[in-house]
Amino acid sequence: MVISVQDNLKDIILNLESLGYNVYKLSEGKNSDIYIYKEKDMGLISLNNHIKTNSNGALIINADNKSLEDIL
């Protein structure tokens, strides 16, 4: 599973990496299964410019007001 996270969400990136997930910053432009962003920082429309996925689609998670447990 490949996860792309909004660049400035460093705590989420580090926590997911420590759990063994393949995590990339959105700016890296990786095809991903999951995208995590904050609506108040980026907005879904801006996120759309970063989404690269395969034909199976992707899960998009808005991390606003969510703990790591909520995201998992």
Protein backbone atom coordinates (compact mmCIF):
# COMPACT_ATOMS: atom_id res chain seq x y z
CA MET A 1 0.00 0.00 0.00
CA VAL A 2 1.36 3.41 -1.01
CA ILE A 3 0.28 6.52 0.87
CA SER A 4 0.81 10.14 -0.17
CA VAL A 5 0.48 12.81 2.51
CA GLN A 6 0.30 16.59 2.24
CA ASP A 7 3.89 17.81 2.58
CA ASN A 8 3.44 19.86 5.76
CA LEU A 9 1.76 17.03 7.73
CA LYS A 10 5.10 15.83 9.05
CA ASP A 11 3.75 14.17 12.20
CA ILE A 12 1.40 12.01 10.14
CA ILE A 13 4.19 11.12 7.71
CA LEU A 14 6.58 10.12 10.51
CA ASN A 15 3.95 8.13 12.42
CA LEU A 16 2.84 6.19 9.34
CA GLU A 17 6.46 5.46 8.40
CA SER A 18 7.14 4.19 11.92
CA LEU A 19 4.24 1.76 11.45
CA GLY A 20 5.87 0.40 8.30
CA TYR A 21 3.78 2.10 5.60
CA ASN A 22 5.27 3.33 2.31
CA VAL A 23 4.71 7.07 2.71
CA TYR A 24 5.51 9.86 0.26
CA LYS A 25 4.91 13.59 0.21
CA LEU A 26 2.30 14.80 -2.29
CA SER A 27 4.98 16.84 -4.05
CA GLU A 28 6.78 13.60 -4.97
CA GLY A 29 3.96 12.70 -7.37
CA LYS A 30 3.81 8.96 -6.62
CA ASN A 31 0.92 6.77 -7.75
CA SER A 32 -0.81 6.10 -4.45
CA ASP A 33 -3.58 4.03 -2.94
CA ILE A 34 -4.34 6.60 -0.24
CA TYR A 35 -4.07 10.40 -0.14
CA ILE A 36 -4.13 12.30 3.15
CA TYR A 37 -4.63 16.07 3.22
CA LYS A 38 -6.14 18.87 5.31
CA GLU A 39 -9.05 20.71 3.74
CA LYS A 40 -8.31 23.94 5.62
CA ASP A 41 -4.70 23.98 4.36
CA MET A 42 -5.03 22.65 0.84
CA GLY A 43 -8.59 22.00 -0.23
CA LEU A 44 -9.87 19.08 -2.24
CA ILE A 45 -9.62 20.97 -5.52
CA SER A 46 -5.90 21.60 -4.99
CA LEU A 47 -5.42 17.98 -3.95
CA ASN A 48 -6.87 16.89 -7.28
CA ASN A 49 -3.82 18.38 -9.02
CA HIS A 50 -1.59 15.93 -7.10
CA ILE A 51 -3.60 12.73 -7.46
CA LYS A 52 -2.01 9.99 -9.53
CA THR A 53 -3.57 6.58 -9.20
CA ASN A 54 -4.03 3.30 -11.00
CA SER A 55 -7.30 2.06 -12.44
CA ASN A 56 -8.43 0.76 -9.03
CA GLY A 57 -8.88 4.29 -7.67
CA ALA A 58 -7.72 5.72 -4.36
CA LEU A 59 -8.97 6.51 -0.88
CA ILE A 60 -8.89 10.21 0.04
CA ILE A 61 -8.74 11.11 3.74
CA ASN A 62 -9.34 14.60 5.11
CA ALA A 63 -7.17 14.76 8.24
CA ASP A 64 -8.86 17.86 9.69
CA ASN A 65 -9.71 17.23 13.36
CA LYS A 66 -8.60 13.59 13.15
CA SER A 67 -6.11 11.75 15.29
CA LEU A 68 -3.71 9.19 13.85
CA GLU A 69 -6.05 6.50 15.19
CA ASP A 70 -8.95 8.07 13.27
CA ILE A 71 -6.88 8.12 10.07
CA LEU A 72 -5.83 4.49 10.50
